[in-house]
């Protein structure tokens, strides 16, 4: 990993600005970097054939993927080749090119063998295994959306992810063993309330989430496996995701629930995350590699730094999602009136959020437009149920919708519900049964939707 700490020293102007930004932010058309391009795109980028300062970790695994040992080194390196995921995967699949062919036997095949061993360890550890496709917005040179694709997840991607997770574990273990202050990446288990809501959603789908025992990720994976391939697959994946707490940075080590790990810190991306720069400096101090390690003033304000970069991370995530929503609304604004297949992705008192299969865009179906009856909202099971017809709308249900409105400025989409599970909406009498509240007007509904959409993100 590039030795960013060599260039960005504690208390320098570069360091103050990197702390302020906290992380890089990624938009479809640009990156707002944590560090200047001279560093992130050049001096701290491990270009092919160019000597670069780095911090390296050598990890030794057994045949079952368990880490036997690790050793950190501050060094200079020269990358033998700069390869992309697709050409590495093609080489392993029997189609090497001129660049990957000489590296296949000495480098790539042993790497994949190590990955196979790590998969064995992963299967035993059982980290949370959610199936959530990632969108990629493709823009023209003029900045217009050309298409919305879903990224392929190759074994090459998964391999690098597993190695990075292991390197992050090694960094945390190294610093814990040497009693050096650091920032952990913490992910706590779901709250009892969120867990009970997930259990109710599972029961309504005829599935079981074990009760009366200490929750482990394997229990959630078992639920996801029960749902896999059924009509409730997406519903259970979404509901499980919603039940999770948000990960954060902290001085106290509460472990990482989602990854099922006791010790975890971010080490692999100091170019784009300030948390990783802190860990690099901690490693420098712990191993007496130089005077550019953690300063006393940095150690004193570690908790402040943890809170700050946790907030900048959330800010970036919100900005990235809001920007994606605006691009998608712009893209779809030319298709108002078109019909789309979708799945319900959220339920609220004022309506239903549906995610379009084609683009992954979320839109609101206002409750006032659904049938001619009053709907009761159940926050625990995340459902709306018609009082007359008994029609139940829940997470993951397959629907057909018509795009009624697209507002690029806000990223808002308004949808009209046409069918539920392939069947036309049942028609109620239009009478108001029960003592439900008067339905909101359209503009109030939209404002509430925007507010809730931010909270859900």
Protein backbone atom coordinates (compact mmCIF):
# COMPACT_ATOMS: atom_id res chain seq x y z
CA UNK A 1 0.00 0.00 0.00
CA UNK A 2 1.36 3.46 -0.93
CA UNK A 3 3.25 5.16 1.94
CA UNK A 4 1.03 8.25 2.14
CA UNK A 5 2.31 9.07 5.65
CA UNK A 6 5.74 9.81 4.14
CA UNK A 7 4.25 12.71 2.16
CA UNK A 8 1.40 13.85 4.46
CA UNK A 9 3.00 14.56 7.82
CA UNK A 10 1.11 15.37 11.06
CA UNK A 11 0.10 19.04 11.39
CA UNK A 12 1.11 20.03 7.84
CA UNK A 13 -1.21 22.01 5.53
CA UNK A 14 -1.80 18.81 3.53
CA UNK A 15 -2.70 16.96 6.73
CA UNK A 16 -5.12 19.65 7.94
CA UNK A 17 -7.00 19.65 4.65
CA UNK A 18 -7.07 15.83 4.48
CA UNK A 19 -8.48 15.73 8.05
CA UNK A 20 -11.10 18.30 7.12
CA UNK A 21 -12.26 16.30 4.07
CA UNK A 22 -12.01 12.96 5.88
CA UNK A 23 -12.27 10.92 2.69
CA UNK A 24 -12.61 11.16 -1.08
CA UNK A 25 -16.11 11.46 -2.53
CA UNK A 26 -17.06 9.69 -5.75
CA UNK A 27 -19.62 11.00 -8.25
CA UNK A 28 -20.54 9.59 -11.69
CA UNK A 29 -18.62 12.38 -13.45
CA UNK A 30 -15.81 13.26 -11.03
CA UNK A 31 -13.96 12.56 -7.80
CA UNK A 32 -13.55 15.11 -4.99
CA UNK A 33 -10.23 13.77 -3.63
CA UNK A 34 -8.99 13.82 -0.05
CA UNK A 35 -5.47 14.52 -1.36
CA UNK A 36 -4.18 16.59 -4.33
CA UNK A 37 -3.87 14.76 -7.65
CA UNK A 38 -0.05 15.09 -7.56
CA UNK A 39 -0.18 12.64 -4.64
CA UNK A 40 -3.30 10.53 -5.28
CA UNK A 41 -2.71 10.17 -9.02
CA UNK A 42 1.08 10.10 -9.10
CA UNK A 43 3.46 9.94 -6.11
CA UNK A 44 1.14 7.73 -4.03
CA UNK A 45 -0.06 5.67 -6.97
CA UNK A 46 1.79 2.40 -7.52
CA UNK A 47 2.44 2.83 -11.24
CA UNK A 48 3.93 0.02 -13.29
CA UNK A 49 7.72 -0.03 -13.41
CA UNK A 50 8.16 3.06 -11.20
CA UNK A 51 9.85 2.98 -7.74
CA UNK A 52 7.36 3.98 -5.05
CA UNK A 53 7.43 4.23 -1.25
CA UNK A 54 5.06 1.74 0.39
CA UNK A 55 4.06 -0.06 3.55
CA UNK A 56 3.79 -3.77 2.77
CA UNK A 57 2.41 -6.69 4.73
CA UNK A 58 3.44 -10.30 4.14
CA UNK A 59 0.78 -12.75 5.28
CA UNK A 60 1.24 -16.51 5.56
CA UNK A 61 -1.86 -18.73 5.34
CA UNK A 62 -2.42 -22.41 6.02
CA UNK A 63 -4.37 -24.66 3.64
CA UNK A 64 -7.64 -23.73 5.41
CA UNK A 65 -7.14 -20.01 4.89
CA UNK A 66 -6.21 -19.25 8.50
CA UNK A 67 -3.51 -16.61 8.88
CA UNK A 68 -0.46 -18.20 10.55
CA UNK A 69 1.64 -15.05 10.69
CA UNK A 70 2.14 -11.58 9.25
CA UNK A 71 4.97 -9.07 8.99
CA UNK A 72 4.76 -5.35 8.16
CA UNK A 73 7.59 -3.56 6.32
CA UNK A 74 8.25 0.02 5.26
CA UNK A 75 9.91 -0.25 1.88
CA UNK A 76 10.35 0.81 -1.72
CA UNK A 77 8.64 -1.21 -4.44
CA UNK A 78 8.42 -1.34 -8.23
CA UNK A 79 5.19 -2.77 -9.62
CA UNK A 80 5.83 -5.53 -12.18
CA UNK A 81 2.51 -4.91 -13.92
CA UNK A 82 -0.60 -2.78 -13.65
CA UNK A 83 -3.51 -5.11 -14.44
CA UNK A 84 -7.27 -4.57 -14.46
CA UNK A 85 -9.79 -7.00 -12.98
CA UNK A 86 -11.18 -8.13 -16.32
CA UNK A 87 -7.84 -9.14 -17.87
CA UNK A 88 -6.79 -11.00 -14.71
CA UNK A 89 -10.08 -12.89 -14.68
CA UNK A 90 -9.73 -13.67 -18.39
CA UNK A 91 -6.22 -15.05 -17.79
CA UNK A 92 -7.45 -17.37 -15.04
CA UNK A 93 -10.35 -18.43 -17.28
CA UNK A 94 -7.89 -19.56 -19.96
CA UNK A 95 -7.62 -16.42 -22.11
CA UNK A 96 -4.40 -14.65 -21.07
CA UNK A 97 -3.14 -11.66 -23.08
CA UNK A 98 0.46 -10.68 -23.75
CA UNK A 99 0.69 -8.90 -20.40
CA UNK A 100 -0.86 -11.56 -18.17
CA UNK A 101 0.58 -14.68 -19.86
CA UNK A 102 4.10 -14.44 -18.31
CA UNK A 103 2.55 -13.77 -14.87
CA UNK A 104 -0.02 -16.58 -14.96
CA UNK A 105 2.05 -19.41 -13.42
CA UNK A 106 4.39 -17.52 -11.06
CA UNK A 107 1.89 -14.91 -9.76
CA UNK A 108 -1.79 -15.18 -10.70
CA UNK A 109 -2.38 -18.91 -10.15
CA UNK A 110 -0.76 -18.88 -6.66
CA UNK A 111 -2.85 -15.79 -5.82
CA UNK A 112 -6.05 -17.59 -6.76
CA UNK A 113 -4.94 -20.65 -4.80
CA UNK A 114 -4.52 -18.42 -1.73
CA UNK A 115 -7.97 -16.96 -2.45
CA UNK A 116 -9.44 -20.48 -2.57
CA UNK A 117 -7.97 -21.11 0.89
CA UNK A 118 -9.44 -17.81 2.15
CA UNK A 119 -12.86 -18.86 0.83
CA UNK A 120 -12.66 -21.90 3.11
CA UNK A 121 -11.93 -19.64 6.09
CA UNK A 122 -14.72 -17.27 5.03
CA UNK A 123 -17.21 -20.13 4.87
CA UNK A 124 -16.26 -21.09 8.43
CA UNK A 125 -16.36 -17.48 9.67
CA UNK A 126 -19.69 -16.71 7.94
CA UNK A 127 -19.59 -12.93 7.39
CA UNK A 128 -22.91 -11.40 6.37
CA UNK A 129 -23.60 -12.41 2.77
CA UNK A 130 -26.00 -9.85 1.28
CA UNK A 131 -26.76 -9.91 -2.45
CA UNK A 132 -26.99 -6.23 -3.41
CA UNK A 133 -26.04 -5.33 -7.01
CA UNK A 134 -24.01 -2.14 -7.55
CA UNK A 135 -25.09 0.41 -10.17
CA UNK A 136 -22.80 2.20 -12.61
CA UNK A 137 -24.03 5.35 -14.36
CA UNK A 138 -22.44 5.77 -17.81
CA UNK A 139 -22.18 9.38 -19.01
CA UNK A 140 -21.54 10.90 -22.44
CA UNK A 141 -18.82 13.50 -23.01
CA UNK A 142 -21.53 16.15 -22.55
CA UNK A 143 -22.42 14.80 -19.11
CA UNK A 144 -25.72 13.19 -20.15
CA UNK A 145 -26.67 9.74 -18.85
CA UNK A 146 -26.21 7.20 -21.66
CA UNK A 147 -27.10 4.08 -19.69
CA UNK A 148 -27.34 2.60 -16.21
CA UNK A 149 -25.47 -0.69 -15.86
CA UNK A 150 -25.04 -3.10 -12.99
CA UNK A 151 -21.42 -3.93 -12.22
CA UNK A 152 -20.27 -7.53 -12.67
CA UNK A 153 -18.61 -8.99 -9.58
CA UNK A 154 -15.82 -11.20 -10.84
CA UNK A 155 -13.76 -13.61 -8.76
CA UNK A 156 -10.90 -11.14 -9.35
CA UNK A 157 -12.88 -8.48 -7.44
CA UNK A 158 -13.75 -10.87 -4.62
CA UNK A 159 -10.14 -12.05 -4.34
CA UNK A 160 -8.78 -8.53 -3.83
CA UNK A 161 -11.58 -7.79 -1.34
CA UNK A 162 -10.64 -10.85 0.73
CA UNK A 163 -6.93 -9.95 0.70
CA UNK A 164 -7.72 -6.37 1.76
CA UNK A 165 -9.92 -7.57 4.61
CA UNK A 166 -7.11 -9.85 5.79
CA UNK A 167 -4.57 -7.00 5.58
CA UNK A 168 -6.92 -4.80 7.63
CA UNK A 169 -7.19 -7.57 10.25
CA UNK A 170 -3.38 -7.90 10.34
CA UNK A 171 -2.99 -4.14 10.89
CA UNK A 172 -5.47 -4.14 13.78
CA UNK A 173 -3.85 -7.20 15.37
CA UNK A 174 -0.35 -5.69 14.99
CA UNK A 175 -1.32 -2.47 16.74
CA UNK A 176 -3.32 -4.20 19.48
CA UNK A 177 -0.34 -6.50 20.18
CA UNK A 178 2.02 -3.51 20.37
CA UNK A 179 -0.41 -1.49 22.52
CA UNK A 180 -0.38 1.38 20.04
CA UNK A 181 -3.38 3.78 19.88
CA UNK A 182 -5.43 3.42 16.70
CA UNK A 183 -8.89 3.85 15.21
CA UNK A 184 -10.90 0.67 14.81
CA UNK A 185 -13.58 0.17 12.18
CA UNK A 186 -16.56 -0.77 14.34
CA UNK A 187 -19.82 -2.38 13.27
CA UNK A 188 -22.16 -3.24 16.13
CA UNK A 189 -24.90 -5.85 15.99
CA UNK A 190 -28.53 -4.85 15.20
CA UNK A 191 -30.67 -3.41 17.98
CA UNK A 192 -33.30 -5.74 19.55
CA UNK A 193 -36.05 -3.58 18.01
CA UNK A 194 -34.60 -3.83 14.47
CA UNK A 195 -34.06 -7.54 14.93
CA UNK A 196 -37.66 -8.09 16.03
CA UNK A 197 -38.89 -6.18 12.96
CA UNK A 198 -36.74 -8.40 10.73
CA UNK A 199 -38.11 -11.48 12.49
CA UNK A 200 -41.69 -10.31 11.77
CA UNK A 201 -40.89 -9.71 8.10
CA UNK A 202 -39.36 -13.21 7.92
CA UNK A 203 -42.39 -14.81 9.60
CA UNK A 204 -44.78 -13.05 7.21
CA UNK A 205 -42.79 -14.65 4.37
CA UNK A 206 -43.00 -18.10 6.02
CA UNK A 207 -39.31 -18.04 6.95
CA UNK A 208 -37.57 -18.45 10.31
CA UNK A 209 -34.98 -16.32 12.10
CA UNK A 210 -33.78 -18.12 15.21
CA UNK A 211 -34.72 -16.54 18.54
CA UNK A 212 -33.41 -16.81 22.10
CA UNK A 213 -29.68 -16.99 21.33
CA UNK A 214 -26.80 -14.59 20.84
CA UNK A 215 -27.16 -13.26 17.30
CA UNK A 216 -24.41 -14.22 14.86
CA UNK A 217 -24.04 -13.48 11.17
CA UNK A 218 -24.53 -17.19 10.43
CA UNK A 219 -28.13 -16.87 11.70
CA UNK A 220 -28.81 -14.05 9.24
CA UNK A 221 -27.08 -15.95 6.43
CA UNK A 222 -29.35 -18.90 7.16
CA UNK A 223 -32.35 -16.60 6.70
CA UNK A 224 -30.91 -15.26 3.43
CA UNK A 225 -30.34 -18.85 2.22
CA UNK A 226 -33.96 -19.75 3.04
CA UNK A 227 -35.12 -16.83 0.90
CA UNK A 228 -32.69 -17.38 -1.98
CA UNK A 229 -34.47 -18.18 -5.25
CA UNK A 230 -37.93 -17.53 -3.78
CA UNK A 231 -40.26 -14.58 -4.36
CA UNK A 232 -39.08 -13.20 -0.99
CA UNK A 233 -35.37 -13.07 -1.93
CA UNK A 234 -35.12 -9.32 -2.45
CA UNK A 235 -37.49 -8.57 0.42
CA UNK A 236 -35.31 -10.45 2.92
CA UNK A 237 -32.07 -8.95 1.56
CA UNK A 238 -33.49 -5.42 1.87
CA UNK A 239 -34.96 -6.04 5.31
CA UNK A 240 -31.68 -7.53 6.56
CA UNK A 241 -29.75 -4.52 5.25
CA UNK A 242 -32.20 -2.13 6.96
CA UNK A 243 -31.77 -3.94 10.28
CA UNK A 244 -28.01 -3.23 10.32
CA UNK A 245 -26.41 -0.45 12.32
CA UNK A 246 -24.08 1.97 10.53
CA UNK A 247 -20.37 1.24 10.82
CA UNK A 248 -18.18 3.94 12.36
CA UNK A 249 -14.65 4.68 13.59
CA UNK A 250 -13.74 4.56 17.27
CA UNK A 251 -10.93 4.09 19.76
CA UNK A 252 -12.76 1.30 21.55
CA UNK A 253 -12.83 -2.08 19.87
CA UNK A 254 -16.33 -3.56 19.72
CA UNK A 255 -15.51 -5.78 16.72
CA UNK A 256 -17.06 -5.86 13.25
CA UNK A 257 -20.38 -7.70 13.29
CA UNK A 258 -20.96 -7.78 9.52
CA UNK A 259 -17.53 -9.25 8.77
CA UNK A 260 -17.62 -11.48 11.88
CA UNK A 261 -14.23 -10.23 13.02
CA UNK A 262 -12.92 -9.33 16.49
CA UNK A 263 -10.16 -6.95 15.37
CA UNK A 264 -10.62 -4.72 12.34
CA UNK A 265 -9.11 -1.40 11.21
CA UNK A 266 -8.85 0.30 7.83
CA UNK A 267 -5.31 0.10 6.41
CA UNK A 268 -5.59 -0.44 2.64
CA UNK A 269 -6.72 3.00 1.32
CA UNK A 270 -4.75 5.89 2.87
CA UNK A 271 -5.07 7.87 -0.38
CA UNK A 272 -8.85 8.19 0.01
CA UNK A 273 -9.57 7.63 3.76
CA UNK A 274 -8.04 9.56 6.66
CA UNK A 275 -8.72 6.59 8.97
CA UNK A 276 -6.19 4.52 7.01
CA UNK A 277 -3.60 7.32 7.26
CA UNK A 278 -4.00 7.22 11.06
CA UNK A 279 -3.39 3.44 11.00
CA UNK A 280 -0.29 3.89 8.80
CA UNK A 281 1.12 6.46 11.24
CA UNK A 282 0.34 4.11 14.13
CA UNK A 283 2.29 1.32 12.38
CA UNK A 284 5.23 3.71 11.86
CA UNK A 285 5.24 4.56 15.57
CA UNK A 286 4.77 0.94 16.69
CA UNK A 287 7.69 -0.27 14.55
CA UNK A 288 9.99 2.78 15.05
CA UNK A 289 10.18 3.39 11.32
CA UNK A 290 10.68 7.15 11.55
CA UNK A 291 9.55 10.45 13.05
CA UNK A 292 6.40 10.74 10.86
CA UNK A 293 4.28 8.43 13.00
CA UNK A 294 1.38 9.40 15.27
CA UNK A 295 2.10 12.64 17.11
CA UNK A 296 1.13 13.21 20.76
CA UNK A 297 -1.45 15.83 19.72
CA UNK A 298 -3.01 13.37 17.26
CA UNK A 299 -3.30 10.71 19.95
CA UNK A 300 -4.98 13.22 22.27
CA UNK A 301 -7.68 14.00 19.72
CA UNK A 302 -8.20 10.50 18.29
CA UNK A 303 -11.78 10.40 19.58
CA UNK A 304 -12.53 13.76 17.95
CA UNK A 305 -10.97 12.50 14.71
CA UNK A 306 -13.04 9.29 14.87
CA UNK A 307 -16.28 11.23 15.26
CA UNK A 308 -15.33 13.72 12.55
CA UNK A 309 -14.36 11.18 9.87
CA UNK A 310 -17.43 9.05 10.67
CA UNK A 311 -19.50 12.16 9.91
CA UNK A 312 -17.59 13.03 6.72
CA UNK A 313 -18.11 9.46 5.52
CA UNK A 314 -21.89 9.73 6.05
CA UNK A 315 -21.88 13.14 4.36
CA UNK A 316 -20.11 11.70 1.31
CA UNK A 317 -22.45 8.72 1.10
CA UNK A 318 -25.45 11.04 1.16
CA UNK A 319 -23.94 13.33 -1.49
CA UNK A 320 -23.11 10.36 -3.73
CA UNK A 321 -26.62 8.93 -3.44
CA UNK A 322 -28.34 12.28 -3.92
CA UNK A 323 -26.25 12.90 -7.04
CA UNK A 324 -27.08 9.44 -8.40
CA UNK A 325 -30.80 10.12 -7.78
CA UNK A 326 -30.58 13.37 -9.75
CA UNK A 327 -28.81 11.73 -12.68
CA UNK A 328 -31.39 8.94 -12.74
CA UNK A 329 -34.30 11.40 -12.58
CA UNK A 330 -32.77 13.34 -15.49
CA UNK A 331 -32.33 10.10 -17.46
CA UNK A 332 -35.92 9.02 -16.81
CA UNK A 333 -37.51 12.45 -17.36
CA UNK A 334 -37.79 11.66 -21.07
CA UNK A 335 -39.77 8.50 -20.29
CA UNK A 336 -42.65 9.92 -18.25
CA UNK A 337 -45.71 7.77 -18.94
CA UNK A 338 -43.65 4.60 -19.55
CA UNK A 339 -44.33 1.41 -17.58
CA UNK A 340 -41.64 -0.40 -15.60
CA UNK A 341 -41.22 -3.61 -13.65
CA UNK A 342 -40.17 -2.85 -10.08
CA UNK A 343 -40.01 -4.16 -6.53
CA UNK A 344 -41.17 -2.48 -3.35
CA UNK A 345 -38.08 -1.17 -1.54
CA UNK A 346 -39.66 0.79 1.30
CA UNK A 347 -42.94 1.29 3.16
CA UNK A 348 -44.13 4.44 4.95
CA UNK A 349 -47.43 5.83 6.25
CA UNK A 350 -47.73 8.14 3.26
CA UNK A 351 -46.90 5.63 0.53
CA UNK A 352 -44.65 3.01 -0.99
CA UNK A 353 -41.13 3.27 -2.42
CA UNK A 354 -40.49 1.07 -5.45
CA UNK A 355 -37.12 0.32 -7.09
CA UNK A 356 -37.17 0.04 -10.89
CA UNK A 357 -35.57 -3.20 -12.13
CA UNK A 358 -34.07 -1.54 -15.20
CA UNK A 359 -32.14 1.28 -13.49
CA UNK A 360 -32.30 0.66 -9.74
CA UNK A 361 -33.94 4.10 -9.30
CA UNK A 362 -36.29 4.53 -6.33
CA UNK A 363 -39.62 6.32 -6.72
CA UNK A 364 -42.61 7.09 -4.51
CA UNK A 365 -46.12 5.72 -5.00
CA UNK A 366 -48.23 8.15 -2.90
CA UNK A 367 -50.78 6.31 -0.77
CA UNK A 368 -53.61 8.53 -2.05
CA UNK A 369 -53.13 7.01 -5.52
CA UNK A 370 -53.32 3.34 -4.43
CA UNK A 371 -56.80 1.93 -5.01
CA UNK A 372 -59.92 3.38 -3.39
CA UNK A 373 -59.59 2.24 0.21
CA UNK A 374 -57.83 3.06 3.46
CA UNK A 375 -54.47 1.34 4.09
CA UNK A 376 -53.19 0.44 7.54
CA UNK A 377 -49.45 0.84 8.13
CA UNK A 378 -47.62 -1.76 10.25
CA UNK A 379 -44.11 -0.45 11.05
CA UNK A 380 -42.96 -3.78 12.54
CA UNK A 381 -43.73 -5.96 9.53
CA UNK A 382 -43.15 -3.03 7.14
CA UNK A 383 -46.49 -3.50 5.35
CA UNK A 384 -49.51 -1.53 4.18
CA UNK A 385 -52.78 -3.49 4.19
CA UNK A 386 -56.04 -2.45 2.49
CA UNK A 387 -58.95 -2.51 4.94
CA UNK A 388 -61.52 -3.66 2.35
CA UNK A 389 -59.63 -5.88 -0.08
CA UNK A 390 -56.92 -7.15 2.29
CA UNK A 391 -54.25 -6.29 -0.31
CA UNK A 392 -50.89 -6.31 1.47
CA UNK A 393 -47.90 -4.36 0.17
CA UNK A 394 -44.53 -5.36 1.66
CA UNK A 395 -40.81 -5.18 0.94
CA UNK A 396 -39.65 -7.07 -2.13
CA UNK A 397 -43.13 -7.50 -3.66
CA UNK A 398 -43.06 -7.44 -7.47
CA UNK A 399 -45.07 -4.59 -9.01
CA UNK A 400 -45.63 -2.83 -12.32
CA UNK A 401 -45.61 0.97 -12.19
CA UNK A 402 -46.08 3.90 -14.51
CA UNK A 403 -43.69 6.86 -14.24
CA UNK A 404 -45.92 9.85 -13.44
CA UNK A 405 -43.25 12.48 -12.75
CA UNK A 406 -39.45 12.87 -12.75
CA UNK A 407 -37.82 15.96 -11.19
CA UNK A 408 -34.06 16.13 -11.96
CA UNK A 409 -33.48 19.09 -9.62
CA UNK A 410 -34.49 17.07 -6.55
CA UNK A 411 -33.96 13.54 -7.87
CA UNK A 412 -37.60 12.75 -7.09
CA UNK A 413 -39.66 10.17 -9.01
CA UNK A 414 -43.43 9.79 -8.59
CA UNK A 415 -44.94 6.47 -9.66
CA UNK A 416 -48.41 5.08 -10.24
CA UNK A 417 -49.09 1.50 -9.12
CA UNK A 418 -50.59 -0.69 -11.87
CA UNK A 419 -50.19 -4.33 -10.82
CA UNK A 420 -49.08 -6.29 -7.74
CA UNK A 421 -47.53 -9.72 -8.32
CA UNK A 422 -48.83 -9.63 -11.88
CA UNK A 423 -52.43 -8.91 -10.87
CA UNK A 424 -54.39 -5.69 -11.37
CA UNK A 425 -55.18 -3.67 -8.24
CA UNK A 426 -58.45 -4.73 -6.56
CA UNK A 427 -60.97 -1.90 -6.45
CA UNK A 428 -62.30 -0.86 -3.06
CA UNK A 429 -65.64 0.94 -2.68
CA UNK A 430 -63.94 4.24 -1.96
CA UNK A 431 -65.47 4.37 1.52
CA UNK A 432 -63.22 5.22 4.46
CA UNK A 433 -63.27 2.45 7.02
CA UNK A 434 -61.59 2.81 10.39
CA UNK A 435 -60.31 6.06 11.80
CA UNK A 436 -57.35 6.62 9.56
CA UNK A 437 -55.98 10.09 8.99
CA UNK A 438 -56.97 12.13 5.96
CA UNK A 439 -54.46 11.46 3.21
CA UNK A 440 -51.81 14.05 2.55
CA UNK A 441 -51.80 16.28 -0.47
CA UNK A 442 -49.23 15.57 -3.15
CA UNK A 443 -46.71 18.27 -2.26
CA UNK A 444 -46.70 17.34 1.45
CA UNK A 445 -46.30 13.69 0.50
CA UNK A 446 -43.29 14.47 -1.67
CA UNK A 447 -41.59 16.53 1.06
CA UNK A 448 -42.09 13.73 3.57
CA UNK A 449 -40.80 11.19 1.04
CA UNK A 450 -37.59 13.15 0.52
CA UNK A 451 -37.04 13.37 4.28
CA UNK A 452 -37.66 9.64 4.83
CA UNK A 453 -35.54 8.71 1.82
CA UNK A 454 -32.56 10.50 3.40
CA UNK A 455 -33.11 8.72 6.71
CA UNK A 456 -33.33 5.32 4.97
CA UNK A 457 -29.99 6.00 3.33
